[in-house]
């Protein structure tokens, strides 16, 4: 961080968050501008590079998206979500470095937070599907889905009662 710019990281995070929100709303050009501002303030902000990649992917600019995802990975190689974003842009081959990177992340998965374990499972499912190892792809898809489902608080009985109450009211 350049001298005197210690406080800029918060502004960079705010611009990056704005970029994510605008991307979710389909306001892609505004999202790109927000990520560009974040990266002017903090060029090494991996999350902003990844967010920019997501916008570029939504715009169909896949070569640029891949470069943004690759930059995010170069800055934070231990983030499965960045690897997943990259491999979602193309078909992966077994002998590519990205495949080896995923396998390395699997070996160190005990150190990952639950959200990144979910991303890792889905990235591996895509990678193994790409090379035709459907059994391993399916195991990772099952694991990712089970982990994701465990994060969802859903009470079927309460939901059914709420729907019945709405039907009675309206």
N, C-alpha and C. Protein backbone atom coordinates (compact mmCIF):
# COMPACT_ATOMS: atom_id res chain seq x y z
N UNK A 1 0.85 -1.18 0.00
CA UNK A 1 0.00 0.00 0.00
C UNK A 1 0.89 1.23 0.00
N UNK A 2 0.70 2.14 -0.94
CA UNK A 2 1.51 3.36 -0.97
C UNK A 2 1.35 4.19 0.31
N UNK A 3 2.41 4.92 0.65
CA UNK A 3 2.37 5.76 1.85
C UNK A 3 1.18 6.71 1.79
N UNK A 4 0.49 6.82 2.91
CA UNK A 4 -0.64 7.73 2.99
C UNK A 4 -1.95 7.16 2.44
N UNK A 5 -1.93 5.91 1.98
CA UNK A 5 -3.15 5.36 1.38
C UNK A 5 -3.75 4.23 2.21
N UNK A 6 -3.36 4.14 3.49
CA UNK A 6 -3.86 3.06 4.34
C UNK A 6 -5.38 3.02 4.39
N UNK A 7 -6.03 4.17 4.41
CA UNK A 7 -7.48 4.23 4.48
C UNK A 7 -8.18 3.89 3.17
N UNK A 8 -7.42 3.83 2.09
CA UNK A 8 -8.02 3.58 0.79
C UNK A 8 -8.55 2.16 0.64
N UNK A 9 -8.03 1.22 1.44
CA UNK A 9 -8.48 -0.17 1.30
C UNK A 9 -9.97 -0.28 1.60
N UNK A 10 -10.47 0.49 2.54
CA UNK A 10 -11.90 0.48 2.82
C UNK A 10 -12.71 1.00 1.65
N UNK A 11 -12.20 2.04 1.00
CA UNK A 11 -12.89 2.56 -0.18
C UNK A 11 -12.85 1.54 -1.31
N UNK A 12 -11.72 0.85 -1.46
CA UNK A 12 -11.61 -0.17 -2.50
C UNK A 12 -12.62 -1.28 -2.25
N UNK A 13 -12.74 -1.69 -0.99
CA UNK A 13 -13.71 -2.73 -0.65
C UNK A 13 -15.13 -2.26 -0.93
N UNK A 14 -15.40 -0.99 -0.67
CA UNK A 14 -16.74 -0.45 -0.94
C UNK A 14 -17.03 -0.44 -2.44
N UNK A 15 -16.07 -0.02 -3.23
CA UNK A 15 -16.26 -0.03 -4.69
C UNK A 15 -16.44 -1.46 -5.21
N UNK A 16 -15.67 -2.39 -4.64
CA UNK A 16 -15.79 -3.79 -5.06
C UNK A 16 -17.17 -4.34 -4.69
N UNK A 17 -17.64 -4.03 -3.49
CA UNK A 17 -18.98 -4.45 -3.08
C UNK A 17 -20.06 -3.85 -3.96
N UNK A 18 -19.88 -2.59 -4.31
CA UNK A 18 -20.82 -1.94 -5.23
C UNK A 18 -20.80 -2.65 -6.58
N UNK A 19 -19.61 -2.99 -7.05
CA UNK A 19 -19.49 -3.71 -8.32
C UNK A 19 -20.24 -5.03 -8.28
N UNK A 20 -20.11 -5.76 -7.17
CA UNK A 20 -20.84 -7.03 -7.04
C UNK A 20 -22.34 -6.81 -7.07
N UNK A 21 -22.80 -5.77 -6.38
CA UNK A 21 -24.24 -5.48 -6.35
C UNK A 21 -24.75 -5.10 -7.74
N UNK A 22 -24.02 -4.24 -8.41
CA UNK A 22 -24.43 -3.81 -9.75
C UNK A 22 -24.41 -4.98 -10.73
N UNK A 23 -23.43 -5.87 -10.60
CA UNK A 23 -23.38 -7.06 -11.45
C UNK A 23 -24.62 -7.92 -11.23
N UNK A 24 -25.01 -8.08 -9.96
CA UNK A 24 -26.21 -8.87 -9.64
C UNK A 24 -27.47 -8.27 -10.24
N UNK A 25 -27.47 -6.95 -10.38
CA UNK A 25 -28.63 -6.25 -10.94
C UNK A 25 -28.60 -6.19 -12.47
N UNK A 26 -27.53 -6.72 -13.07
CA UNK A 26 -27.40 -6.69 -14.52
C UNK A 26 -26.94 -5.34 -15.06
N UNK A 27 -26.42 -4.51 -14.20
CA UNK A 27 -25.92 -3.19 -14.61
C UNK A 27 -24.40 -3.30 -14.82
N UNK A 28 -24.04 -4.01 -15.89
CA UNK A 28 -22.67 -4.46 -16.11
C UNK A 28 -21.67 -3.33 -16.33
N UNK A 29 -22.01 -2.34 -17.11
CA UNK A 29 -21.06 -1.25 -17.37
C UNK A 29 -20.76 -0.48 -16.09
N UNK A 30 -21.78 -0.24 -15.28
CA UNK A 30 -21.58 0.43 -14.00
C UNK A 30 -20.75 -0.44 -13.05
N UNK A 31 -20.99 -1.75 -13.11
CA UNK A 31 -20.22 -2.68 -12.28
C UNK A 31 -18.74 -2.65 -12.67
N UNK A 32 -18.48 -2.66 -13.97
CA UNK A 32 -17.09 -2.58 -14.43
C UNK A 32 -16.42 -1.32 -13.91
N UNK A 33 -17.12 -0.20 -13.98
CA UNK A 33 -16.56 1.06 -13.50
C UNK A 33 -16.24 0.99 -12.01
N UNK A 34 -17.12 0.36 -11.24
CA UNK A 34 -16.88 0.24 -9.80
C UNK A 34 -15.65 -0.63 -9.52
N UNK A 35 -15.52 -1.74 -10.24
CA UNK A 35 -14.35 -2.59 -10.04
C UNK A 35 -13.07 -1.88 -10.48
N UNK A 36 -13.15 -1.11 -11.55
CA UNK A 36 -11.98 -0.35 -12.00
C UNK A 36 -11.54 0.64 -10.92
N UNK A 37 -12.51 1.30 -10.28
CA UNK A 37 -12.17 2.23 -9.19
C UNK A 37 -11.51 1.48 -8.03
N UNK A 38 -12.06 0.32 -7.71
CA UNK A 38 -11.48 -0.48 -6.62
C UNK A 38 -10.04 -0.84 -6.94
N UNK A 39 -9.78 -1.21 -8.18
CA UNK A 39 -8.44 -1.65 -8.56
C UNK A 39 -7.46 -0.49 -8.71
N UNK A 40 -7.97 0.71 -8.97
CA UNK A 40 -7.09 1.88 -8.95
C UNK A 40 -6.61 2.11 -7.52
N UNK A 41 -7.53 1.96 -6.57
CA UNK A 41 -7.19 2.16 -5.15
C UNK A 41 -6.34 1.03 -4.60
N UNK A 42 -6.62 -0.21 -5.02
CA UNK A 42 -5.88 -1.38 -4.53
C UNK A 42 -5.67 -2.37 -5.68
N UNK A 43 -4.62 -2.19 -6.45
CA UNK A 43 -4.40 -3.07 -7.60
C UNK A 43 -4.26 -4.54 -7.23
N UNK A 44 -3.88 -4.81 -6.00
CA UNK A 44 -3.69 -6.19 -5.56
C UNK A 44 -4.90 -6.81 -4.90
N UNK A 45 -6.07 -6.25 -5.10
CA UNK A 45 -7.29 -6.77 -4.47
C UNK A 45 -7.86 -7.90 -5.33
N UNK A 46 -7.58 -9.12 -4.90
CA UNK A 46 -7.98 -10.30 -5.67
C UNK A 46 -9.50 -10.37 -5.87
N UNK A 47 -10.26 -10.02 -4.85
CA UNK A 47 -11.72 -10.09 -4.96
C UNK A 47 -12.25 -9.17 -6.04
N UNK A 48 -11.62 -8.01 -6.20
CA UNK A 48 -12.06 -7.07 -7.24
C UNK A 48 -11.72 -7.61 -8.63
N UNK A 49 -10.56 -8.26 -8.76
CA UNK A 49 -10.21 -8.88 -10.05
C UNK A 49 -11.23 -9.97 -10.39
N UNK A 50 -11.58 -10.77 -9.39
CA UNK A 50 -12.56 -11.84 -9.62
C UNK A 50 -13.93 -11.25 -9.97
N UNK A 51 -14.33 -10.22 -9.26
CA UNK A 51 -15.61 -9.57 -9.55
C UNK A 51 -15.63 -8.99 -10.95
N UNK A 52 -14.52 -8.38 -11.34
CA UNK A 52 -14.44 -7.84 -12.70
C UNK A 52 -14.56 -8.99 -13.71
N UNK A 53 -13.91 -10.11 -13.41
CA UNK A 53 -14.01 -11.27 -14.29
C UNK A 53 -15.44 -11.74 -14.45
N UNK A 54 -16.20 -11.72 -13.36
CA UNK A 54 -17.60 -12.15 -13.42
C UNK A 54 -18.42 -11.23 -14.32
N UNK A 55 -18.17 -9.94 -14.22
CA UNK A 55 -18.88 -8.98 -15.08
C UNK A 55 -18.51 -9.22 -16.54
N UNK A 56 -17.21 -9.35 -16.80
CA UNK A 56 -16.76 -9.58 -18.17
C UNK A 56 -17.34 -10.87 -18.74
N UNK A 57 -17.45 -11.87 -17.89
CA UNK A 57 -18.06 -13.13 -18.32
C UNK A 57 -19.53 -12.91 -18.68
N UNK A 58 -20.23 -12.15 -17.87
CA UNK A 58 -21.64 -11.84 -18.16
C UNK A 58 -21.78 -11.07 -19.46
N UNK A 59 -20.78 -10.29 -19.79
CA UNK A 59 -20.80 -9.52 -21.03
C UNK A 59 -20.34 -10.35 -22.24
N UNK A 60 -19.94 -11.60 -21.99
CA UNK A 60 -19.48 -12.46 -23.07
C UNK A 60 -18.04 -12.21 -23.48
N UNK A 61 -17.32 -11.46 -22.70
CA UNK A 61 -15.92 -11.14 -22.99
C UNK A 61 -15.04 -12.14 -22.24
N UNK A 62 -15.07 -13.40 -22.72
CA UNK A 62 -14.47 -14.51 -21.98
C UNK A 62 -12.96 -14.44 -21.87
N UNK A 63 -12.27 -14.02 -22.91
CA UNK A 63 -10.80 -13.93 -22.82
C UNK A 63 -10.39 -12.94 -21.74
N UNK A 64 -11.08 -11.80 -21.68
CA UNK A 64 -10.79 -10.80 -20.65
C UNK A 64 -11.18 -11.32 -19.27
N UNK A 65 -12.29 -12.03 -19.20
CA UNK A 65 -12.73 -12.61 -17.92
C UNK A 65 -11.69 -13.59 -17.41
N UNK A 66 -11.19 -14.46 -18.29
CA UNK A 66 -10.16 -15.42 -17.87
C UNK A 66 -8.93 -14.71 -17.31
N UNK A 67 -8.51 -13.64 -17.97
CA UNK A 67 -7.34 -12.89 -17.48
C UNK A 67 -7.61 -12.32 -16.09
N UNK A 68 -8.80 -11.81 -15.87
CA UNK A 68 -9.14 -11.26 -14.55
C UNK A 68 -9.16 -12.36 -13.49
N UNK A 69 -9.73 -13.51 -13.82
CA UNK A 69 -9.74 -14.63 -12.87
C UNK A 69 -8.32 -15.12 -12.60
N UNK A 70 -7.51 -15.19 -13.65
CA UNK A 70 -6.11 -15.62 -13.47
C UNK A 70 -5.35 -14.65 -12.57
N UNK A 71 -5.64 -13.36 -12.69
CA UNK A 71 -4.99 -12.37 -11.81
C UNK A 71 -5.44 -12.57 -10.37
N UNK A 72 -6.73 -12.83 -10.16
CA UNK A 72 -7.22 -13.10 -8.80
C UNK A 72 -6.51 -14.32 -8.21
N UNK A 73 -6.36 -15.37 -9.01
CA UNK A 73 -5.69 -16.58 -8.55
C UNK A 73 -4.22 -16.31 -8.25
N UNK A 74 -3.56 -15.52 -9.10
CA UNK A 74 -2.16 -15.19 -8.86
C UNK A 74 -1.99 -14.46 -7.52
N UNK A 75 -2.96 -13.62 -7.18
CA UNK A 75 -2.90 -12.87 -5.93
C UNK A 75 -3.27 -13.71 -4.72
N UNK A 76 -4.26 -14.60 -4.88
CA UNK A 76 -4.72 -15.45 -3.77
C UNK A 76 -4.96 -16.87 -4.30
N UNK A 77 -3.90 -17.64 -4.48
CA UNK A 77 -4.04 -18.97 -5.09
C UNK A 77 -4.83 -19.97 -4.25
N UNK A 78 -5.03 -19.70 -2.98
CA UNK A 78 -5.73 -20.63 -2.12
C UNK A 78 -7.23 -20.46 -2.05
N UNK A 79 -7.81 -19.67 -2.95
CA UNK A 79 -9.25 -19.41 -2.93
C UNK A 79 -9.96 -20.26 -4.00
N UNK A 80 -10.61 -21.34 -3.61
CA UNK A 80 -11.30 -22.18 -4.59
C UNK A 80 -12.34 -21.44 -5.43
N UNK A 81 -12.97 -20.42 -4.87
CA UNK A 81 -13.98 -19.69 -5.64
C UNK A 81 -13.36 -19.03 -6.87
N UNK A 82 -12.12 -18.58 -6.78
CA UNK A 82 -11.46 -17.97 -7.93
C UNK A 82 -11.15 -19.04 -8.99
N UNK A 83 -10.72 -20.20 -8.52
CA UNK A 83 -10.44 -21.30 -9.45
C UNK A 83 -11.72 -21.76 -10.13
N UNK A 84 -12.79 -21.85 -9.37
CA UNK A 84 -14.07 -22.25 -9.96
C UNK A 84 -14.50 -21.25 -11.03
N UNK A 85 -14.37 -19.97 -10.73
CA UNK A 85 -14.76 -18.96 -11.71
C UNK A 85 -13.96 -19.12 -13.01
N UNK A 86 -12.67 -19.38 -12.88
CA UNK A 86 -11.84 -19.55 -14.07
C UNK A 86 -12.26 -20.78 -14.87
N UNK A 87 -12.42 -21.91 -14.22
CA UNK A 87 -12.71 -23.12 -15.01
C UNK A 87 -14.13 -23.12 -15.56
N UNK A 88 -15.00 -22.28 -15.03
CA UNK A 88 -16.34 -22.18 -15.59
C UNK A 88 -16.33 -21.49 -16.97
N UNK A 89 -15.20 -20.88 -17.33
CA UNK A 89 -15.12 -20.16 -18.60
C UNK A 89 -14.65 -21.04 -19.76
N UNK A 90 -14.24 -22.29 -19.46
CA UNK A 90 -13.74 -23.15 -20.55
C UNK A 90 -13.69 -24.61 -20.09
N UNK A 91 -13.43 -25.48 -21.05
CA UNK A 91 -13.26 -26.91 -20.78
C UNK A 91 -11.84 -27.14 -20.32
N UNK A 92 -11.69 -27.91 -19.25
CA UNK A 92 -10.39 -28.16 -18.65
C UNK A 92 -9.85 -29.51 -19.11
N UNK A 93 -8.54 -29.60 -19.29
CA UNK A 93 -7.88 -30.87 -19.62
C UNK A 93 -7.06 -31.33 -18.42
N UNK A 94 -6.89 -32.65 -18.30
CA UNK A 94 -6.22 -33.25 -17.14
C UNK A 94 -4.79 -32.74 -16.95
N UNK A 95 -4.10 -32.44 -18.04
CA UNK A 95 -2.68 -32.06 -17.94
C UNK A 95 -2.46 -30.56 -17.74
N UNK A 96 -3.51 -29.80 -17.51
CA UNK A 96 -3.37 -28.36 -17.33
C UNK A 96 -3.02 -28.01 -15.88
N UNK A 97 -2.27 -26.92 -15.70
CA UNK A 97 -1.89 -26.51 -14.34
C UNK A 97 -3.10 -26.24 -13.44
N UNK A 98 -4.18 -25.77 -14.00
CA UNK A 98 -5.36 -25.48 -13.19
C UNK A 98 -5.91 -26.74 -12.55
N UNK A 99 -5.84 -27.85 -13.27
CA UNK A 99 -6.31 -29.12 -12.72
C UNK A 99 -5.44 -29.52 -11.52
N UNK A 100 -4.13 -29.37 -11.68
CA UNK A 100 -3.21 -29.67 -10.58
C UNK A 100 -3.46 -28.74 -9.38
N UNK A 101 -3.78 -27.49 -9.65
CA UNK A 101 -4.06 -26.54 -8.57
C UNK A 101 -5.29 -26.97 -7.78
N UNK A 102 -6.32 -27.44 -8.47
CA UNK A 102 -7.52 -27.93 -7.78
C UNK A 102 -7.19 -29.12 -6.90
N UNK A 103 -6.42 -30.05 -7.43
CA UNK A 103 -6.06 -31.23 -6.64
C UNK A 103 -5.24 -30.84 -5.41
N UNK A 104 -4.40 -29.83 -5.55
CA UNK A 104 -3.63 -29.34 -4.41
C UNK A 104 -4.56 -28.72 -3.36
N UNK A 105 -5.56 -27.98 -3.81
CA UNK A 105 -6.53 -27.41 -2.87
C UNK A 105 -7.31 -28.50 -2.14
N UNK A 106 -7.63 -29.58 -2.83
CA UNK A 106 -8.34 -30.70 -2.20
C UNK A 106 -7.47 -31.29 -1.09
N UNK A 107 -6.17 -31.42 -1.34
CA UNK A 107 -5.27 -31.99 -0.32
C UNK A 107 -5.20 -31.09 0.92
N UNK A 108 -5.40 -29.79 0.76
CA UNK A 108 -5.35 -28.87 1.90
C UNK A 108 -6.70 -28.39 2.36
N UNK A 109 -7.76 -29.12 1.99
CA UNK A 109 -9.11 -28.61 2.26
C UNK A 109 -9.46 -28.46 3.73
N UNK A 110 -8.74 -29.13 4.61
CA UNK A 110 -9.05 -29.03 6.04
C UNK A 110 -8.88 -27.59 6.55
N UNK A 111 -8.11 -26.78 5.84
CA UNK A 111 -7.87 -25.40 6.29
C UNK A 111 -8.86 -24.40 5.69
N UNK A 112 -9.78 -24.86 4.87
CA UNK A 112 -10.69 -23.96 4.17
C UNK A 112 -12.00 -23.75 4.94
N UNK A 113 -12.55 -22.54 4.89
CA UNK A 113 -13.88 -22.32 5.48
C UNK A 113 -14.94 -23.04 4.66
N UNK A 114 -16.07 -23.26 5.26
CA UNK A 114 -17.14 -24.06 4.63
C UNK A 114 -17.56 -23.52 3.26
N UNK A 115 -17.70 -22.22 3.14
CA UNK A 115 -18.10 -21.64 1.85
C UNK A 115 -17.12 -21.95 0.74
N UNK A 116 -15.83 -21.96 1.07
CA UNK A 116 -14.82 -22.27 0.06
C UNK A 116 -14.76 -23.77 -0.22
N UNK A 117 -15.11 -24.59 0.78
CA UNK A 117 -15.20 -26.04 0.53
C UNK A 117 -16.31 -26.34 -0.48
N UNK A 118 -17.40 -25.61 -0.38
CA UNK A 118 -18.50 -25.76 -1.34
C UNK A 118 -18.01 -25.39 -2.74
N UNK A 119 -17.32 -24.26 -2.84
CA UNK A 119 -16.77 -23.82 -4.13
C UNK A 119 -15.80 -24.86 -4.68
N UNK A 120 -14.97 -25.42 -3.80
CA UNK A 120 -13.99 -26.42 -4.23
C UNK A 120 -14.69 -27.66 -4.76
N UNK A 121 -15.72 -28.11 -4.06
CA UNK A 121 -16.48 -29.28 -4.54
C UNK A 121 -17.07 -29.02 -5.92
N UNK A 122 -17.67 -27.87 -6.12
CA UNK A 122 -18.29 -27.58 -7.42
C UNK A 122 -17.24 -27.38 -8.51
N UNK A 123 -16.09 -26.80 -8.16
CA UNK A 123 -15.00 -26.65 -9.14
C UNK A 123 -14.49 -28.03 -9.55
N UNK A 124 -14.30 -28.90 -8.57
CA UNK A 124 -13.82 -30.25 -8.88
C UNK A 124 -14.86 -31.03 -9.69
N UNK A 125 -16.12 -30.86 -9.37
CA UNK A 125 -17.17 -31.54 -10.15
C UNK A 125 -17.07 -31.13 -11.61
N UNK A 126 -16.91 -29.84 -11.87
CA UNK A 126 -16.78 -29.35 -13.26
C UNK A 126 -15.53 -29.91 -13.91
N UNK A 127 -14.41 -29.87 -13.19
CA UNK A 127 -13.13 -30.32 -13.74
C UNK A 127 -13.18 -31.82 -14.08
N UNK A 128 -13.68 -32.62 -13.16
CA UNK A 128 -13.74 -34.06 -13.42
C UNK A 128 -14.74 -34.38 -14.53
N UNK A 129 -15.81 -33.63 -14.61
CA UNK A 129 -16.76 -33.82 -15.70
C UNK A 129 -16.09 -33.49 -17.04
N UNK A 130 -15.29 -32.43 -17.05
CA UNK A 130 -14.59 -32.04 -18.28
C UNK A 130 -13.69 -33.15 -18.82
N UNK A 131 -13.07 -33.91 -17.92
CA UNK A 131 -12.15 -34.96 -18.39
C UNK A 131 -12.83 -36.32 -18.50
N UNK A 132 -14.13 -36.35 -18.25
CA UNK A 132 -14.88 -37.59 -18.41
C UNK A 132 -14.87 -38.52 -17.22
N UNK A 133 -14.37 -38.06 -16.07
CA UNK A 133 -14.39 -38.87 -14.85
C UNK A 133 -15.69 -38.55 -14.11
N UNK A 134 -16.77 -39.11 -14.62
CA UNK A 134 -18.11 -38.74 -14.13
C UNK A 134 -18.38 -39.23 -12.71
N UNK A 135 -17.78 -40.35 -12.32
CA UNK A 135 -17.99 -40.84 -10.96
C UNK A 135 -17.42 -39.85 -9.94
N UNK A 136 -16.20 -39.37 -10.18
CA UNK A 136 -15.60 -38.39 -9.25
C UNK A 136 -16.35 -37.06 -9.33
N UNK A 137 -16.76 -36.69 -10.52
CA UNK A 137 -17.53 -35.45 -10.67
C UNK A 137 -18.81 -35.53 -9.85
N UNK A 138 -19.48 -36.66 -9.92
CA UNK A 138 -20.74 -36.83 -9.19
C UNK A 138 -20.51 -36.79 -7.68
N UNK A 139 -19.42 -37.43 -7.21
CA UNK A 139 -19.13 -37.40 -5.77
C UNK A 139 -18.91 -35.97 -5.28
N UNK A 140 -18.18 -35.18 -6.07
CA UNK A 140 -17.95 -33.78 -5.67
C UNK A 140 -19.25 -32.98 -5.74
N UNK A 141 -20.08 -33.24 -6.74
CA UNK A 141 -21.36 -32.53 -6.84
C UNK A 141 -22.24 -32.88 -5.64
N UNK A 142 -22.27 -34.16 -5.28
CA UNK A 142 -23.06 -34.57 -4.10
C UNK A 142 -22.54 -33.89 -2.84
N UNK A 143 -21.22 -33.88 -2.67
CA UNK A 143 -20.63 -33.27 -1.48
C UNK A 143 -20.93 -31.77 -1.44
N UNK A 144 -20.75 -31.08 -2.56
CA UNK A 144 -21.04 -29.64 -2.61
C UNK A 144 -22.49 -29.35 -2.31
N UNK A 145 -23.38 -30.15 -2.88
CA UNK A 145 -24.81 -29.94 -2.63
C UNK A 145 -25.17 -30.21 -1.17
N UNK A 146 -24.56 -31.25 -0.59
CA UNK A 146 -24.85 -31.56 0.82
C UNK A 146 -24.35 -30.43 1.73
N UNK A 147 -23.15 -29.93 1.44
CA UNK A 147 -22.61 -28.83 2.24
C UNK A 147 -23.49 -27.58 2.11
N UNK A 148 -23.90 -27.29 0.88
CA UNK A 148 -24.74 -26.11 0.64
C UNK A 148 -26.09 -26.27 1.34
N UNK A 149 -26.68 -27.44 1.24
CA UNK A 149 -27.98 -27.69 1.88
C UNK A 149 -27.89 -27.53 3.40
N UNK A 150 -26.77 -27.93 3.97
CA UNK A 150 -26.58 -27.82 5.42
C UNK A 150 -26.59 -26.35 5.87
N UNK A 151 -26.31 -25.43 4.96
CA UNK A 151 -26.30 -24.01 5.30
C UNK A 151 -27.68 -23.37 5.20
N UNK A 152 -28.63 -24.09 4.63
CA UNK A 152 -29.96 -23.53 4.41
C UNK A 152 -30.87 -23.92 5.58
N UNK A 153 -31.38 -22.91 6.26
CA UNK A 153 -32.32 -23.16 7.35
C UNK A 153 -33.72 -23.23 6.74
N UNK A 154 -34.30 -24.39 6.74
CA UNK A 154 -35.62 -24.57 6.13
C UNK A 154 -36.45 -25.50 7.01
N UNK A 155 -37.58 -25.02 7.43
CA UNK A 155 -38.51 -25.80 8.25
C UNK A 155 -39.76 -26.00 7.41
N UNK A 156 -39.90 -27.18 6.84
CA UNK A 156 -41.01 -27.44 5.93
C UNK A 156 -42.36 -27.22 6.59
N UNK A 157 -42.52 -27.69 7.81
CA UNK A 157 -43.79 -27.54 8.51
C UNK A 157 -44.14 -26.06 8.69
N UNK A 158 -43.17 -25.26 9.12
CA UNK A 158 -43.41 -23.83 9.32
C UNK A 158 -43.76 -23.15 8.00
N UNK A 159 -43.07 -23.53 6.93
CA UNK A 159 -43.35 -22.94 5.62
C UNK A 159 -44.76 -23.30 5.15
N UNK A 160 -45.17 -24.54 5.35
CA UNK A 160 -46.50 -24.98 4.93
C UNK A 160 -47.58 -24.25 5.73
N UNK A 161 -47.32 -24.06 7.03
CA UNK A 161 -48.27 -23.32 7.86
C UNK A 161 -48.37 -21.87 7.40
N UNK A 162 -47.25 -21.26 7.05
CA UNK A 162 -47.25 -19.88 6.58
C UNK A 162 -48.03 -19.76 5.27
N UNK A 163 -47.85 -20.72 4.37
CA UNK A 163 -48.58 -20.69 3.09
C UNK A 163 -50.09 -20.89 3.31
N UNK A 164 -50.42 -21.77 4.24
CA UNK A 164 -51.84 -21.99 4.54
C UNK A 164 -52.46 -20.73 5.15
N UNK A 165 -51.70 -20.04 6.01
CA UNK A 165 -52.19 -18.80 6.60
C UNK A 165 -52.39 -17.74 5.51
N UNK A 166 -51.49 -17.66 4.55
CA UNK A 166 -51.66 -16.70 3.45
C UNK A 166 -52.89 -17.06 2.62
N UNK A 167 -53.10 -18.35 2.37
CA UNK A 167 -54.26 -18.77 1.57
C UNK A 167 -55.55 -18.41 2.30
N UNK A 168 -55.58 -18.60 3.61
CA UNK A 168 -56.78 -18.24 4.38
C UNK A 168 -57.01 -16.74 4.35
N UNK A 169 -55.95 -15.97 4.43
CA UNK A 169 -56.06 -14.51 4.47
C UNK A 169 -56.48 -13.94 3.13
N UNK A 170 -55.91 -14.47 2.06
CA UNK A 170 -56.17 -13.88 0.74
C UNK A 170 -57.10 -14.73 -0.08
